[in-house]
């Protein structure tokens, strides 16, 4: 992960990966809104971008040992409710 700050090739590759993640999450949010399971709100692409970068940074800090960080054993218990609340307006879908 740190190489993305020093290597243009790694930075470009990671940007492509994140673009794909954002596109998939955007589609999922839009689909959930169309079926009435998720409320309208922040534009889906903006929400997907923000959630994906948030998750990326939390994972990076945890796995690189930076502080403050979320302990690895609590990552899912922390990130999933945040993600679900942002998309559905509640911690469970």
C-alpha atoms as a PDB file:
ATOM      1  CA  UNK A   1       0.000   0.000   0.000  1.00  0.00           C
ATOM      2  CA  UNK A   2       2.782   2.424   0.800  1.00  0.00           C
ATOM      3  CA  UNK A   3       4.199   1.948  -2.719  1.00  0.00           C
ATOM      4  CA  UNK A   4       1.268   3.849  -4.180  1.00  0.00           C
ATOM      5  CA  UNK A   5       2.874   7.025  -2.824  1.00  0.00           C
ATOM      6  CA  UNK A   6       6.227   6.404  -4.493  1.00  0.00           C
ATOM      7  CA  UNK A   7       5.422   4.406  -7.632  1.00  0.00           C
ATOM      8  CA  UNK A   8       3.259   5.892 -10.405  1.00  0.00           C
ATOM      9  CA  UNK A   9       2.586   2.377 -11.742  1.00  0.00           C
ATOM     10  CA  UNK A  10       1.304   1.146  -8.381  1.00  0.00           C
ATOM     11  CA  UNK A  11      -0.743   4.317  -7.918  1.00  0.00           C
ATOM     12  CA  UNK A  12      -2.356   3.835 -11.342  1.00  0.00           C
ATOM     13  CA  UNK A  13      -3.077   0.164 -10.674  1.00  0.00           C
ATOM     14  CA  UNK A  14      -4.626   0.911  -7.281  1.00  0.00           C
ATOM     15  CA  UNK A  15      -6.735   3.681  -8.829  1.00  0.00           C
ATOM     16  CA  UNK A  16      -8.061   1.184 -11.373  1.00  0.00           C
ATOM     17  CA  UNK A  17      -8.893  -1.306  -8.619  1.00  0.00           C
ATOM     18  CA  UNK A  18     -10.681   1.367  -6.590  1.00  0.00           C
ATOM     19  CA  UNK A  19     -12.605   2.537  -9.689  1.00  0.00           C
ATOM     20  CA  UNK A  20     -13.868  -1.021 -10.145  1.00  0.00           C
ATOM     21  CA  UNK A  21     -14.856  -1.289  -6.474  1.00  0.00           C
ATOM     22  CA  UNK A  22     -16.654   2.060  -6.641  1.00  0.00           C
ATOM     23  CA  UNK A  23     -18.481   1.078  -9.838  1.00  0.00           C
ATOM     24  CA  UNK A  24     -19.700  -2.185  -8.296  1.00  0.00           C
ATOM     25  CA  UNK A  25     -20.824  -0.554  -5.060  1.00  0.00           C
ATOM     26  CA  UNK A  26     -22.508   2.265  -7.010  1.00  0.00           C
ATOM     27  CA  UNK A  27     -24.493  -0.317  -8.997  1.00  0.00           C
ATOM     28  CA  UNK A  28     -25.455  -2.135  -5.803  1.00  0.00           C
ATOM     29  CA  UNK A  29     -26.630   1.065  -4.098  1.00  0.00           C
ATOM     30  CA  UNK A  30     -28.641   2.096  -7.151  1.00  0.00           C
ATOM     31  CA  UNK A  31     -30.192  -1.366  -7.353  1.00  0.00           C
ATOM     32  CA  UNK A  32     -31.147  -1.317  -3.682  1.00  0.00           C
ATOM     33  CA  UNK A  33     -32.698   2.117  -4.115  1.00  0.00           C
ATOM     34  CA  UNK A  34     -34.662   0.997  -7.184  1.00  0.00           C
ATOM     35  CA  UNK A  35     -36.151  -1.945  -5.319  1.00  0.00           C
ATOM     36  CA  UNK A  36     -37.059   0.314  -2.393  1.00  0.00           C
ATOM     37  CA  UNK A  37     -34.728  -1.311   0.143  1.00  0.00           C
ATOM     38  CA  UNK A  38     -32.430   1.703   0.490  1.00  0.00           C
ATOM     39  CA  UNK A  39     -33.553   5.319   0.740  1.00  0.00           C
ATOM     40  CA  UNK A  40     -32.542   8.027  -1.674  1.00  0.00           C
ATOM     41  CA  UNK A  41     -29.910  10.389  -0.360  1.00  0.00           C
ATOM     42  CA  UNK A  42     -26.319  11.115  -1.218  1.00  0.00           C
ATOM     43  CA  UNK A  43     -25.676  10.385  -4.906  1.00  0.00           C
ATOM     44  CA  UNK A  44     -24.818   6.677  -5.182  1.00  0.00           C
ATOM     45  CA  UNK A  45     -21.416   7.264  -6.797  1.00  0.00           C
ATOM     46  CA  UNK A  46     -20.397   9.771  -4.119  1.00  0.00           C
ATOM     47  CA  UNK A  47     -21.534   7.426  -1.354  1.00  0.00           C
ATOM     48  CA  UNK A  48     -19.745   4.462  -2.939  1.00  0.00           C
ATOM     49  CA  UNK A  49     -16.551   6.477  -3.371  1.00  0.00           C
ATOM     50  CA  UNK A  50     -16.592   7.675   0.230  1.00  0.00           C
ATOM     51  CA  UNK A  51     -17.362   4.254   1.685  1.00  0.00           C
ATOM     52  CA  UNK A  52     -14.705   2.498  -0.381  1.00  0.00           C
ATOM     53  CA  UNK A  53     -11.972   4.980   0.541  1.00  0.00           C
ATOM     54  CA  UNK A  54     -13.003   4.833   4.191  1.00  0.00           C
ATOM     55  CA  UNK A  55     -12.757   1.052   4.180  1.00  0.00           C
ATOM     56  CA  UNK A  56      -9.430   1.167   2.319  1.00  0.00           C
ATOM     57  CA  UNK A  57      -7.891   3.499   4.887  1.00  0.00           C
ATOM     58  CA  UNK A  58      -9.188   1.538   7.878  1.00  0.00           C
ATOM     59  CA  UNK A  59      -7.851  -1.710   6.417  1.00  0.00           C
ATOM     60  CA  UNK A  60      -4.526  -0.028   5.653  1.00  0.00           C
ATOM     61  CA  UNK A  61      -4.113   1.351   9.164  1.00  0.00           C
ATOM     62  CA  UNK A  62      -5.035  -1.981  10.744  1.00  0.00           C
ATOM     63  CA  UNK A  63      -2.825  -4.169   8.573  1.00  0.00           C
ATOM     64  CA  UNK A  64       0.139  -1.775   8.617  1.00  0.00           C
ATOM     65  CA  UNK A  65       0.019  -1.407  12.398  1.00  0.00           C
ATOM     66  CA  UNK A  66      -0.615   2.332  12.356  1.00  0.00           C
ATOM     67  CA  UNK A  67      -2.325   3.994  15.271  1.00  0.00           C
ATOM     68  CA  UNK A  68      -5.000   4.687  15.911  1.00  0.00           C
ATOM     69  CA  UNK A  69      -6.423   1.610  14.247  1.00  0.00           C
ATOM     70  CA  UNK A  70      -9.218  -0.900  14.589  1.00  0.00           C
ATOM     71  CA  UNK A  71      -8.048  -4.277  15.892  1.00  0.00           C
ATOM     72  CA  UNK A  72      -8.165  -6.874  13.129  1.00  0.00           C
ATOM     73  CA  UNK A  73     -10.614  -9.066  15.010  1.00  0.00           C
ATOM     74  CA  UNK A  74     -13.124  -6.166  15.118  1.00  0.00           C
ATOM     75  CA  UNK A  75     -12.814  -4.937  11.525  1.00  0.00           C
ATOM     76  CA  UNK A  76     -15.996  -6.534  10.189  1.00  0.00           C
ATOM     77  CA  UNK A  77     -17.976  -5.759  13.331  1.00  0.00           C
ATOM     78  CA  UNK A  78     -16.944  -2.130  12.907  1.00  0.00           C
ATOM     79  CA  UNK A  79     -17.112  -1.602   9.144  1.00  0.00           C
ATOM     80  CA  UNK A  80     -20.230  -3.564   8.209  1.00  0.00           C
ATOM     81  CA  UNK A  81     -22.666  -1.569  10.405  1.00  0.00           C
ATOM     82  CA  UNK A  82     -21.145   1.715   9.180  1.00  0.00           C
ATOM     83  CA  UNK A  83     -21.506   0.619   5.555  1.00  0.00           C
ATOM     84  CA  UNK A  84     -25.038  -0.720   6.067  1.00  0.00           C
ATOM     85  CA  UNK A  85     -26.146   2.403   7.943  1.00  0.00           C
ATOM     86  CA  UNK A  86     -24.822   4.635   5.192  1.00  0.00           C
ATOM     87  CA  UNK A  87     -26.633   2.676   2.478  1.00  0.00           C
ATOM     88  CA  UNK A  88     -29.822   1.558   4.249  1.00  0.00           C
ATOM     89  CA  UNK A  89     -30.170   4.079   7.063  1.00  0.00           C
ATOM     90  CA  UNK A  90     -29.803   1.279   9.624  1.00  0.00           C
ATOM     91  CA  UNK A  91     -27.096  -1.147  10.723  1.00  0.00           C
ATOM     92  CA  UNK A  92     -28.774  -4.248   9.185  1.00  0.00           C
ATOM     93  CA  UNK A  93     -30.290  -4.617   5.744  1.00  0.00           C
END
